[in-house]
């Protein structure tokens, strides 16, 4: 016996709050996932950001943002 299943997903609005270098967003199920990687310069930057070590040397003190204790 053969089964054929057709799936349709309609999304009117999708909000993604954060994306990291290894994020995966999957909607529905699939037998295989084809990855797509896009790198966009949305800020119009013309050079690479300084490395953390260079930044610390330039400011001589790294300013950290305090986080609240977990509840």
Protein backbone atom coordinates (compact mmCIF):
# COMPACT_ATOMS: atom_id res chain seq x y z
CA UNK A 1 0.00 0.00 0.00
CA UNK A 2 1.42 3.41 -1.01
CA UNK A 3 0.54 6.62 0.79
CA UNK A 4 0.89 10.08 -0.76
CA UNK A 5 0.80 13.02 1.64
CA UNK A 6 0.67 16.60 0.40
CA UNK A 7 1.40 19.35 2.93
CA UNK A 8 0.67 23.05 2.56
CA UNK A 9 1.76 25.66 5.09
CA UNK A 10 0.70 29.29 4.75
CA UNK A 11 2.46 31.89 6.89
CA UNK A 12 1.06 35.41 6.92
CA UNK A 13 3.65 36.90 9.25
CA UNK A 14 6.85 35.52 10.75
CA UNK A 15 8.93 37.45 13.28
CA UNK A 16 12.47 36.33 14.08
CA UNK A 17 13.94 38.16 17.08
CA UNK A 18 17.49 36.83 16.87
CA UNK A 19 19.71 34.97 14.44
CA UNK A 20 23.09 33.45 15.24
CA UNK A 21 25.77 31.91 13.06
CA UNK A 22 24.36 28.42 13.44
CA UNK A 23 20.62 29.12 13.52
CA UNK A 24 18.14 26.75 11.93
CA UNK A 25 14.54 27.74 11.31
CA UNK A 26 12.34 24.84 10.26
CA UNK A 27 8.67 25.11 9.40
CA UNK A 28 6.88 21.81 8.91
CA UNK A 29 8.62 18.51 8.40
CA UNK A 30 10.91 17.40 5.64
CA UNK A 31 12.76 14.28 4.65
CA UNK A 32 15.85 16.39 4.01
CA UNK A 33 16.89 19.96 4.76
CA UNK A 34 18.80 21.98 2.19
CA UNK A 35 20.84 24.64 3.94
CA UNK A 36 21.12 28.21 2.72
CA UNK A 37 23.62 30.72 4.06
CA UNK A 38 23.35 34.43 3.32
CA UNK A 39 25.71 37.11 4.63
CA UNK A 40 24.47 40.69 4.29
CA UNK A 41 26.14 43.96 5.19
CA UNK A 42 23.00 45.72 6.40
CA UNK A 43 24.92 48.41 8.32
CA UNK A 44 26.95 49.58 5.34
CA UNK A 45 30.26 48.85 7.10
CA UNK A 46 33.39 49.20 4.99
CA UNK A 47 35.90 47.31 7.14
CA UNK A 48 35.94 44.43 9.57
CA UNK A 49 35.21 45.04 13.23
CA UNK A 50 38.25 45.07 15.53
CA UNK A 51 39.11 41.84 17.33
CA UNK A 52 38.23 41.66 21.01
CA UNK A 53 41.91 41.76 22.05
CA UNK A 54 42.53 44.91 19.98
CA UNK A 55 39.42 46.55 21.41
CA UNK A 56 40.45 45.78 25.00
CA UNK A 57 43.92 47.21 24.39
CA UNK A 58 42.48 50.36 22.85
CA UNK A 59 40.08 51.07 25.71
CA UNK A 60 42.28 49.46 28.41
CA UNK A 61 39.12 48.32 30.21
CA UNK A 62 36.34 46.22 28.77
CA UNK A 63 32.92 47.47 29.85
CA UNK A 64 30.48 44.67 30.60
CA UNK A 65 26.72 44.97 30.93
CA UNK A 66 25.47 43.50 34.24
CA UNK A 67 22.73 40.90 33.87
CA UNK A 68 19.97 40.30 36.43
CA UNK A 69 20.04 37.13 38.48
CA UNK A 70 17.84 34.37 37.06
CA UNK A 71 14.51 33.88 38.82
